[in-house]
Amino acid sequence: MLFKNMKRITDRVETTFSNFRLKILMLTASAVMAFGMTALAVFVLLTMALVVPGAVSSAQAREASVEELEKRKAWDEERRKAREERRRQRGSIKADKQPKKPPQEIAIGFLTQAQDIPPALSNLDPILLDEGENGAALGIEDNNTTGQFLNQKFILTTVNLPQDGDLATAFLELAARNPFIITHLPAADLLALADLPEAQNVLILNASASDDSLRGPECRKNIFHIIPSRAMRADALAQFLVKKKWDEWFLVVGPRPEDELFAAAIRQAAEKFGAEIVEEKSWNFEADIRRTAKAEVPVFTRGEDYDVLITADEQGRFGEYLLYNTWEPKLIAGTQGLVATAWGRTHEQWGAVQMQNRFRRATGRWMTPIDYAAWTATRAIGEAVSRTGSTDPVVIGDYLKSDDFNVAAYKGQKLTFRDWDHQLRQPVLLAAARAMVSVSPQPGFLHPERELDTLGTDRALSQCRFPQ
């Protein structure tokens, strides 16, 4: 009787195995309770039901699986066609018969010229012959990432002149094909190009000249400044030092004209934020500082008590050798030591490490402030063209200085242009050789409209007057 009941249950398992395995187990348990089967019999029954299904039921299961797969494929195809039809109706996918429009091309030029390179005091820093170019190229790549969705294509043309090259001719040739030109040039050359009659219909973006005069009495309507001015960098440093109550300074000024320009910005920042320059000296030593620093620097820095020694040595001819050689153990800031800069290799906040890594992979070196300024200039043009849909330099220039414009540039906030001098508002980094120390503007330095306008020349003090 027991085996007769097992045969009956096994037959039932055979007919329902492919689709009702769970039900089989439930029926088996019921049979066990009904007929009082032993544990051994239950084990044999489950083995037969789960491991040795009949050939007919297995074939039925395969047939059911193939049929189900075919149904699912047909269903997925119907859903895909329905999605495409809905997209066509919304206009996101054009009909095959409608030809695709050619992309809107936006031409951007980059212009630089070789300059005299001073003899290096250290072999640690390489001499860069492509500074700015790689930053602009990376910006073009980012613009085209967005442009492919807007049917826009950004094209970069780079001109790197030798020292004896004709700068005006090169500019005119570049301007004939590029309504936007990023420059890595000294202030005098930049002004000469901006004043050419043919340059009045060109938008020039300054990526390297930090002269305050370009934002003041020598400002030009067709120039926008990406690199921070000397006044912005001096103010950024002054805010930090004053906040730390290191407000008595010893200023050391180098012999070159640009050293005096930075020193003037430091003097103005001290007056602006309530610091005091207790002593100021000019560095006029001609001997090799690498051999004489231990003897000359202690005597040179002996005198008034001070909190911080501030260097004005933009070419790096002596400033590095003041560190650890002063008469008293003092902090050093300015162009050496703690430096105020637009960009630095130690900057990693707000996603900047992504930018650092991308640039290093592409070039094999660190990104410099000029590289960063060229990248930002390219991105500013890309953002303005994408928002306005125009490539007219006048339209783009008006949009850049409007309240509608902003660009993200790894500084923790959106950057905008000042309408009174065309300077890009931006936080300024305070960096040491291997550490990011702070970012200015510092908390507590307030402004009626924007805290970023505490750095550099504010509207009320600006001497820039654009022609109407």
Protein backbone atom coordinates (compact mmCIF):
# COMPACT_ATOMS: atom_id res chain seq x y z
CA MET A 1 0.00 0.00 0.00
CA LEU A 2 2.88 2.35 0.87
CA PHE A 3 4.62 1.91 -2.51
CA LYS A 4 1.30 2.27 -4.32
CA ASN A 5 0.81 5.66 -2.65
CA MET A 6 4.39 6.69 -3.46
CA LYS A 7 3.81 5.79 -7.14
CA ARG A 8 0.72 7.94 -7.21
CA ILE A 9 2.53 10.93 -5.68
CA THR A 10 5.53 10.52 -7.99
CA ASP A 11 3.30 10.53 -11.09
CA ARG A 12 1.79 13.77 -9.88
CA VAL A 13 5.27 15.25 -9.44
CA GLU A 14 6.19 14.21 -13.00
CA THR A 15 3.25 16.07 -14.55
CA THR A 16 3.69 19.34 -12.64
CA PHE A 17 7.48 19.66 -12.14
CA SER A 18 8.31 22.35 -14.68
CA ASN A 19 6.03 25.08 -13.30
CA PHE A 20 4.87 23.98 -9.81
CA ARG A 21 7.91 22.86 -7.81
CA LEU A 22 6.73 24.57 -4.67
CA LYS A 23 3.33 22.94 -4.97
CA ILE A 24 5.03 19.55 -5.29
CA LEU A 25 6.72 19.98 -1.95
CA MET A 26 3.44 20.96 -0.32
CA LEU A 27 1.65 17.90 -1.79
CA THR A 28 4.49 15.64 -0.69
CA ALA A 29 4.25 16.93 2.85
CA SER A 30 0.51 16.27 2.81
CA ALA A 31 1.08 12.71 1.63
CA VAL A 32 3.57 12.11 4.41
CA MET A 33 1.03 13.22 6.99
CA ALA A 34 -1.75 11.18 5.40
CA PHE A 35 0.06 7.86 5.01
CA GLY A 36 2.55 8.00 7.86
CA MET A 37 5.61 7.48 5.69
CA THR A 38 9.03 7.03 7.24
CA ALA A 39 11.85 9.58 6.97
CA LEU A 40 13.69 7.34 4.49
CA ALA A 41 10.68 7.19 2.22
CA VAL A 42 10.34 10.98 2.32
CA PHE A 43 14.00 11.39 1.31
CA VAL A 44 13.57 9.00 -1.62
CA LEU A 45 10.44 10.81 -2.73
CA LEU A 46 12.08 14.26 -2.69
CA THR A 47 15.08 12.94 -4.61
CA MET A 48 12.81 11.59 -7.31
CA ALA A 49 10.81 14.81 -7.50
CA LEU A 50 13.69 17.29 -7.60
CA VAL A 51 16.66 15.47 -9.14
CA VAL A 52 15.25 12.95 -11.58
CA PRO A 53 12.35 14.59 -13.42
CA GLY A 54 10.98 12.77 -16.43
CA ALA A 55 12.08 13.52 -19.95
CA VAL A 56 8.63 14.67 -20.98
CA SER A 57 8.36 17.26 -18.17
CA SER A 58 11.91 18.58 -18.91
CA ALA A 59 11.03 19.06 -22.57
CA GLN A 60 7.85 20.82 -21.58
CA ALA A 61 9.87 23.13 -19.30
CA ARG A 62 12.30 24.00 -22.11
CA GLU A 63 9.46 24.64 -24.52
CA ALA A 64 7.79 26.89 -21.98
CA SER A 65 11.05 28.80 -21.39
CA VAL A 66 11.68 29.39 -25.10
CA GLU A 67 8.10 30.50 -25.60
CA GLU A 68 8.38 32.87 -22.65
CA LEU A 69 11.63 34.35 -23.97
CA GLU A 70 10.07 34.98 -27.37
CA LYS A 71 7.15 36.71 -25.72
CA ARG A 72 9.49 38.90 -23.67
CA LYS A 73 11.50 39.86 -26.77
CA ALA A 74 8.33 40.84 -28.60
CA TRP A 75 7.18 42.83 -25.59
CA ASP A 76 10.54 44.65 -25.27
CA GLU A 77 10.45 45.49 -28.98
CA GLU A 78 6.95 46.93 -28.65
CA ARG A 79 8.06 49.06 -25.69
CA ARG A 80 11.13 50.31 -27.59
CA LYS A 81 9.01 51.35 -30.57
CA ALA A 82 6.55 53.07 -28.28
CA ARG A 83 9.36 55.05 -26.57
CA GLU A 84 10.80 56.17 -29.90
CA GLU A 85 7.39 57.25 -31.08
CA ARG A 86 6.87 59.33 -27.94
CA ARG A 87 10.31 60.93 -28.38
CA ARG A 88 9.58 61.76 -31.99
CA GLN A 89 6.37 63.41 -30.92
CA ARG A 90 8.26 65.49 -28.33
CA GLY A 91 10.84 66.43 -30.94
CA SER A 92 13.86 64.93 -29.16
CA ILE A 93 14.48 62.53 -32.06
CA LYS A 94 14.27 63.87 -35.56
CA ALA A 95 12.66 61.91 -38.37
CA ASP A 96 15.08 60.02 -40.61
CA LYS A 97 14.04 62.07 -43.63
CA GLN A 98 14.95 65.34 -41.90
CA PRO A 99 18.68 66.13 -42.53
CA LYS A 100 20.83 67.01 -39.51
CA LYS A 101 22.04 70.60 -39.42
CA PRO A 102 25.82 71.15 -39.40
CA PRO A 103 27.12 72.14 -35.94
CA GLN A 104 27.60 75.77 -35.03
CA GLU A 105 31.38 76.35 -35.05
CA ILE A 106 32.94 78.63 -32.44
CA ALA A 107 36.55 79.58 -33.20
CA ILE A 108 38.83 80.53 -30.30
CA GLY A 109 42.44 81.66 -30.71
CA PHE A 110 45.34 81.47 -28.26
CA LEU A 111 48.23 83.90 -28.77
CA THR A 112 51.56 84.00 -26.97
CA GLN A 113 55.14 85.03 -27.69
CA ALA A 114 58.44 83.80 -26.28
CA GLN A 115 59.95 86.09 -23.63
CA ASP A 116 63.39 86.43 -22.09
CA ILE A 117 63.85 83.68 -19.52
CA PRO A 118 65.99 84.67 -16.51
CA PRO A 119 68.73 82.27 -15.42
CA ALA A 120 67.35 79.68 -13.02
CA LEU A 121 68.58 79.52 -9.44
CA SER A 122 67.18 76.00 -9.09
CA ASN A 123 66.76 73.08 -11.46
CA LEU A 124 63.66 71.83 -9.61
CA ASP A 125 61.21 73.94 -11.61
CA PRO A 126 61.10 73.20 -15.36
CA ILE A 127 61.06 75.98 -17.94
CA LEU A 128 57.61 75.88 -19.53
CA LEU A 129 57.31 76.77 -23.20
CA ASP A 130 53.64 75.78 -23.53
CA GLU A 131 52.16 77.53 -20.51
CA GLY A 132 48.53 78.44 -21.13
CA GLU A 133 48.17 76.41 -24.34
CA ASN A 134 47.35 73.16 -22.57
CA GLY A 135 44.85 74.86 -20.30
CA ALA A 136 43.01 76.29 -23.30
CA ALA A 137 43.05 72.88 -25.02
CA LEU A 138 41.51 71.24 -21.95
CA GLY A 139 38.83 73.94 -21.89
CA ILE A 140 37.99 73.24 -25.54
CA GLU A 141 37.57 69.56 -24.67
CA ASP A 142 35.14 70.47 -21.88
CA ASN A 143 33.23 72.88 -24.13
CA ASN A 144 32.77 70.20 -26.78
CA THR A 145 31.48 67.74 -24.20
CA THR A 146 28.56 70.09 -23.63
CA GLY A 147 28.47 71.35 -27.20
CA GLN A 148 27.66 67.95 -28.68
CA PHE A 149 24.23 68.15 -27.07
CA LEU A 150 23.66 71.69 -28.39
CA ASN A 151 25.02 71.00 -31.88
CA GLN A 152 28.04 73.24 -31.24
CA LYS A 153 31.70 72.62 -32.05
CA PHE A 154 34.53 74.60 -30.46
CA ILE A 155 37.81 74.92 -32.37
CA LEU A 156 41.13 76.16 -30.93
CA THR A 157 43.89 77.78 -32.99
CA THR A 158 47.19 78.31 -31.17
CA VAL A 159 49.91 80.76 -32.24
CA ASN A 160 53.21 80.68 -30.33
CA LEU A 161 55.53 83.32 -31.77
CA PRO A 162 59.30 83.42 -31.36
CA GLN A 163 60.83 86.49 -29.75
CA ASP A 164 61.51 88.18 -33.08
CA GLY A 165 58.04 87.39 -34.50
CA ASP A 166 55.68 90.12 -35.71
CA LEU A 167 53.04 90.15 -32.97
CA ALA A 168 50.64 92.59 -34.66
CA THR A 169 50.60 90.61 -37.91
CA ALA A 170 50.04 87.35 -36.07
CA PHE A 171 47.18 88.90 -34.11
CA LEU A 172 45.48 90.25 -37.24
CA GLU A 173 45.73 86.90 -38.99
CA LEU A 174 44.32 85.15 -35.95
CA ALA A 175 41.56 87.73 -35.48
CA ALA A 176 40.41 87.31 -39.08
CA ARG A 177 39.24 83.78 -38.23
CA ASN A 178 38.72 83.90 -34.45
CA PRO A 179 36.37 86.41 -32.79
CA PHE A 180 37.67 85.32 -29.35
CA ILE A 181 41.39 85.41 -28.53
CA ILE A 182 43.03 84.32 -25.27
CA THR A 183 46.40 85.99 -24.69
CA HIS A 184 49.49 85.15 -22.66
CA LEU A 185 51.37 88.43 -23.20
CA PRO A 186 52.91 91.29 -21.19
CA ALA A 187 50.71 94.29 -20.45
CA ALA A 188 52.37 96.61 -23.00
CA ASP A 189 51.90 94.12 -25.85
CA LEU A 190 48.33 93.43 -24.80
CA LEU A 191 47.42 97.12 -24.90
CA ALA A 192 49.08 97.60 -28.29
CA LEU A 193 46.98 94.79 -29.77
CA ALA A 194 43.75 95.90 -28.12
CA ASP A 195 44.13 99.38 -29.62
CA LEU A 196 44.38 98.14 -33.22
CA PRO A 197 41.33 99.16 -35.30
CA GLU A 198 40.79 95.53 -36.32
CA ALA A 199 40.70 94.50 -32.64
CA GLN A 200 37.56 96.45 -31.86
CA ASN A 201 35.43 93.55 -33.10
CA VAL A 202 37.46 90.94 -31.19
CA LEU A 203 36.97 89.84 -27.58
CA ILE A 204 40.37 89.48 -25.87
CA LEU A 205 40.72 87.44 -22.68
CA ASN A 206 43.85 88.18 -20.65
CA ALA A 207 45.26 85.02 -19.07
CA SER A 208 48.56 86.26 -17.63
CA ALA A 209 49.06 90.03 -17.22
CA SER A 210 48.22 90.94 -13.59
CA ASP A 211 48.99 94.66 -13.85
CA ASP A 212 46.54 96.80 -11.91
CA SER A 213 46.80 99.52 -14.58
CA LEU A 214 45.01 97.21 -17.04
CA ARG A 215 42.03 97.25 -14.66
CA GLY A 216 42.45 100.96 -13.96
CA PRO A 217 43.36 103.94 -16.13
CA GLU A 218 44.63 101.68 -18.96
CA CYS A 219 41.53 99.48 -19.12
CA ARG A 220 40.06 98.59 -22.52
CA LYS A 221 36.48 97.71 -23.38
CA ASN A 222 37.48 94.72 -25.51
CA ILE A 223 39.67 93.09 -22.81
CA PHE A 224 38.37 90.79 -20.07
CA HIS A 225 40.79 89.75 -17.33
CA ILE A 226 40.86 86.17 -16.08
CA ILE A 227 44.08 86.15 -14.04
CA PRO A 228 43.75 87.92 -10.65
CA SER A 229 45.33 91.36 -10.43
CA ARG A 230 48.24 92.12 -8.12
CA ALA A 231 45.83 94.08 -5.93
CA MET A 232 43.59 91.01 -5.57
CA ARG A 233 46.52 88.80 -4.58
CA ALA A 234 47.89 91.39 -2.13
CA ASP A 235 44.45 91.86 -0.54
CA ALA A 236 43.97 88.10 -0.21
CA LEU A 237 47.28 87.79 1.63
CA ALA A 238 46.64 90.88 3.77
CA GLN A 239 43.24 89.61 4.93
CA PHE A 240 44.75 86.35 6.13
CA LEU A 241 47.67 87.98 7.94
CA VAL A 242 45.48 90.59 9.62
CA LYS A 243 42.99 87.95 10.72
CA LYS A 244 45.87 86.02 12.32
CA LYS A 245 46.98 89.30 13.97
CA TRP A 246 50.29 89.20 12.12
CA ASP A 247 49.91 92.84 11.15
CA GLU A 248 53.47 94.21 11.39
CA TRP A 249 55.36 93.60 8.16
CA PHE A 250 58.92 93.89 6.86
CA LEU A 251 58.74 94.46 3.08
CA VAL A 252 61.68 93.45 0.86
CA VAL A 253 61.47 94.73 -2.74
CA GLY A 254 63.41 93.31 -5.66
CA PRO A 255 65.12 95.38 -8.39
CA ARG A 256 62.77 94.66 -11.33
CA PRO A 257 59.78 96.84 -12.33
CA GLU A 258 57.27 94.08 -11.63
CA ASP A 259 58.69 93.74 -8.11
CA GLU A 260 57.88 97.38 -7.47
CA LEU A 261 54.34 96.89 -8.83
CA PHE A 262 53.70 94.06 -6.39
CA ALA A 263 55.22 96.09 -3.55
CA ALA A 264 52.82 98.94 -4.38
CA ALA A 265 49.90 96.51 -4.13
CA ILE A 266 51.18 95.32 -0.72
CA ARG A 267 51.46 98.90 0.56
CA GLN A 268 47.90 99.60 -0.57
CA ALA A 269 46.62 96.39 1.05
CA ALA A 270 48.32 97.27 4.35
CA GLU A 271 46.57 100.63 4.39
CA LYS A 272 43.26 99.09 3.33
CA PHE A 273 43.14 96.43 6.06
CA GLY A 274 44.95 98.14 8.90
CA ALA A 275 48.38 96.49 8.79
CA GLU A 276 51.67 98.37 9.25
CA ILE A 277 54.87 98.14 7.23
CA VAL A 278 57.38 98.72 10.02
CA GLU A 279 60.39 98.48 7.70
CA GLU A 280 61.04 98.38 3.95
CA LYS A 281 64.29 97.59 2.14
CA SER A 282 65.35 97.10 -1.45
CA TRP A 283 67.31 94.02 -2.46
CA ASN A 284 70.16 95.17 -4.70
CA PHE A 285 72.80 92.49 -4.15
CA GLU A 286 74.51 91.29 -7.34
CA ALA A 287 76.37 88.31 -5.91
CA ASP A 288 75.09 84.75 -6.30
CA ILE A 289 72.57 84.46 -3.49
CA ARG A 290 73.04 80.69 -3.36
CA ARG A 291 76.54 81.19 -1.99
CA THR A 292 76.08 84.33 0.10
CA ALA A 293 72.62 83.88 1.71
CA LYS A 294 73.94 82.68 5.06
CA ALA A 295 76.15 85.75 5.40
CA GLU A 296 74.04 88.48 3.81
CA VAL A 297 70.44 87.67 4.75
CA PRO A 298 70.82 87.73 8.58
CA VAL A 299 72.47 91.15 8.46
CA PHE A 300 69.96 92.41 5.88
CA THR A 301 66.92 91.41 7.97
CA ARG A 302 68.24 92.64 11.31
CA GLY A 303 66.48 95.71 12.65
CA GLU A 304 62.89 96.49 13.59
CA ASP A 305 60.74 93.82 15.17
CA TYR A 306 58.06 92.47 12.84
CA ASP A 307 55.63 89.56 12.45
CA VAL A 308 56.02 88.62 8.78
CA LEU A 309 58.68 89.28 6.16
CA ILE A 310 56.97 89.95 2.81
CA THR A 311 58.92 89.49 -0.40
CA ALA A 312 58.32 91.26 -3.72
CA ASP A 313 60.38 89.07 -6.05
CA GLU A 314 58.18 87.93 -8.94
CA GLN A 315 60.97 86.23 -10.90
CA GLY A 316 62.26 84.36 -7.88
CA ARG A 317 65.78 85.79 -7.95
CA PHE A 318 66.36 85.91 -4.18
CA GLY A 319 63.13 85.37 -2.23
CA GLU A 320 63.49 81.62 -1.66
CA TYR A 321 66.86 82.15 0.03
CA LEU A 322 65.39 84.43 2.68
CA LEU A 323 63.62 81.44 4.21
CA TYR A 324 65.46 80.08 7.30
CA ASN A 325 68.21 82.72 6.94
CA THR A 326 66.60 85.72 8.66
CA TRP A 327 68.09 87.19 11.82
CA GLU A 328 64.99 86.32 13.80
CA PRO A 329 62.81 83.20 13.20
CA LYS A 330 60.05 84.86 11.16
CA LEU A 331 57.31 83.86 8.74
CA ILE A 332 57.79 84.71 5.05
CA ALA A 333 54.98 85.49 2.61
CA GLY A 334 54.41 87.39 -0.63
CA THR A 335 55.97 86.04 -3.81
CA GLN A 336 57.71 83.30 -1.80
CA GLY A 337 56.73 81.35 1.30
CA LEU A 338 52.98 81.76 1.71
CA VAL A 339 51.81 82.80 -1.78
CA ALA A 340 48.50 84.22 -2.96
CA THR A 341 47.67 82.65 -6.32
CA ALA A 342 44.86 81.80 -8.72
CA TRP A 343 45.81 78.12 -8.77
CA GLY A 344 48.31 75.79 -7.14
CA ARG A 345 49.20 72.12 -7.24
CA THR A 346 48.16 71.73 -3.59
CA HIS A 347 44.58 72.83 -4.34
CA GLU A 348 42.23 69.82 -4.02
CA GLN A 349 38.94 71.25 -2.73
CA TRP A 350 35.65 71.51 -4.63
CA GLY A 351 36.58 68.84 -7.14
CA ALA A 352 39.90 70.49 -8.05
CA VAL A 353 41.74 67.16 -7.70
CA GLN A 354 39.82 65.96 -10.77
CA MET A 355 41.13 68.93 -12.77
CA GLN A 356 44.65 68.39 -11.45
CA ASN A 357 44.64 64.73 -12.48
CA ARG A 358 43.17 65.37 -15.91
CA PHE A 359 45.76 68.04 -16.66
CA ARG A 360 48.65 65.87 -15.46
CA ARG A 361 47.49 62.93 -17.54
CA ALA A 362 47.28 65.15 -20.62
CA THR A 363 50.55 67.08 -20.18
CA GLY A 364 52.75 65.23 -17.69
CA ARG A 365 53.16 68.31 -15.48
CA TRP A 366 51.30 70.39 -12.90
CA MET A 367 48.76 73.02 -13.89
CA THR A 368 49.99 76.60 -13.37
CA PRO A 369 47.91 79.74 -12.69
CA ILE A 370 48.26 80.74 -16.36
CA ASP A 371 47.09 77.29 -17.49
CA TYR A 372 44.12 77.65 -15.17
CA ALA A 373 43.32 81.16 -16.44
CA ALA A 374 43.40 79.94 -20.06
CA TRP A 375 41.08 77.04 -19.17
CA THR A 376 38.71 79.40 -17.36
CA ALA A 377 38.71 81.82 -20.30
CA THR A 378 37.76 79.02 -22.69
CA ARG A 379 35.02 77.81 -20.37
CA ALA A 380 33.66 81.34 -19.96
CA ILE A 381 33.32 81.68 -23.74
CA GLY A 382 31.73 78.24 -23.95
CA GLU A 383 29.21 79.06 -21.24
CA ALA A 384 28.30 82.40 -22.81
CA VAL A 385 27.90 80.96 -26.33
CA SER A 386 25.81 78.05 -25.02
CA ARG A 387 23.50 80.41 -23.12
CA THR A 388 23.10 83.06 -25.82
CA GLY A 389 23.48 80.95 -28.94
CA SER A 390 25.53 83.79 -30.45
CA THR A 391 29.15 84.07 -31.60
CA ASP A 392 29.07 87.86 -31.90
CA PRO A 393 31.84 89.28 -29.66
CA VAL A 394 29.68 92.27 -28.73
CA VAL A 395 26.80 90.05 -27.63
CA ILE A 396 29.12 87.74 -25.72
CA GLY A 397 30.92 90.67 -24.06
CA ASP A 398 27.63 92.15 -22.87
CA TYR A 399 26.53 88.79 -21.54
CA LEU A 400 29.82 88.16 -19.68
CA LYS A 401 29.44 91.31 -17.59
CA SER A 402 25.71 90.83 -16.97
CA ASP A 403 24.15 89.35 -13.84
CA ASP A 404 23.01 86.32 -15.87
CA PHE A 405 26.54 85.02 -16.45
CA ASN A 406 28.49 82.73 -14.14
CA VAL A 407 30.97 79.92 -14.63
CA ALA A 408 31.99 77.06 -12.33
CA ALA A 409 35.77 76.82 -11.98
CA TYR A 410 36.67 74.63 -8.97
CA LYS A 411 36.69 77.53 -6.52
CA GLY A 412 33.67 76.65 -4.37
CA GLN A 413 31.37 79.23 -5.93
CA LYS A 414 30.32 80.53 -9.33
CA LEU A 415 32.63 83.18 -10.83
CA THR A 416 31.41 86.40 -12.45
CA PHE A 417 32.89 89.50 -14.10
CA ARG A 418 32.92 93.01 -12.66
CA ASP A 419 31.20 95.37 -15.04
CA TRP A 420 33.39 98.35 -14.05
CA ASP A 421 36.80 96.89 -15.02
CA HIS A 422 36.05 93.45 -16.62
CA GLN A 423 37.98 91.58 -13.91
CA LEU A 424 36.82 88.04 -13.09
CA ARG A 425 35.70 87.83 -9.48
CA GLN A 426 37.21 84.75 -7.84
CA PRO A 427 38.51 83.42 -4.53
CA VAL A 428 42.30 83.58 -4.23
CA LEU A 429 44.23 80.61 -2.86
CA LEU A 430 46.88 80.98 -0.14
CA ALA A 431 49.33 78.16 -0.68
CA ALA A 432 52.66 76.97 0.61
CA ALA A 433 54.97 74.69 -1.35
CA ARG A 434 53.23 71.49 -0.26
CA ALA A 435 50.04 72.61 1.50
CA MET A 436 46.93 74.67 0.90
CA VAL A 437 46.76 77.07 3.84
CA SER A 438 43.60 79.10 3.26
CA VAL A 439 41.32 80.74 0.71
CA SER A 440 40.43 84.44 0.64
CA PRO A 441 38.24 86.42 1.09
CA GLN A 442 38.50 85.59 4.77
CA PRO A 443 35.40 85.35 6.97
CA GLY A 444 34.62 88.65 8.66
CA PHE A 445 35.72 90.92 5.81
CA LEU A 446 32.35 92.17 4.62
CA HIS A 447 31.13 94.02 1.55
CA PRO A 448 27.75 95.70 0.89
CA GLU A 449 27.14 93.56 -2.21
CA ARG A 450 29.68 90.75 -2.73
CA GLU A 451 32.44 89.56 -0.44
CA LEU A 452 34.59 88.76 -3.48
CA ASP A 453 34.73 92.50 -4.15
CA THR A 454 36.83 92.94 -0.99
CA LEU A 455 39.68 91.63 -3.16
CA GLY A 456 41.09 94.17 -5.59
CA THR A 457 39.78 97.58 -6.60
CA ASP A 458 36.12 98.18 -5.76
CA ARG A 459 33.74 100.15 -7.97
CA ALA A 460 33.97 103.37 -5.96
CA LEU A 461 37.78 103.46 -6.18
CA SER A 462 38.17 102.26 -9.75
CA GLN A 463 39.87 104.56 -12.26
CA CYS A 464 38.65 102.54 -15.22
CA ARG A 465 36.40 104.49 -17.59
CA PHE A 466 35.12 102.62 -20.62
CA PRO A 467 34.01 104.72 -23.60
CA GLN A 468 30.25 104.81 -24.01
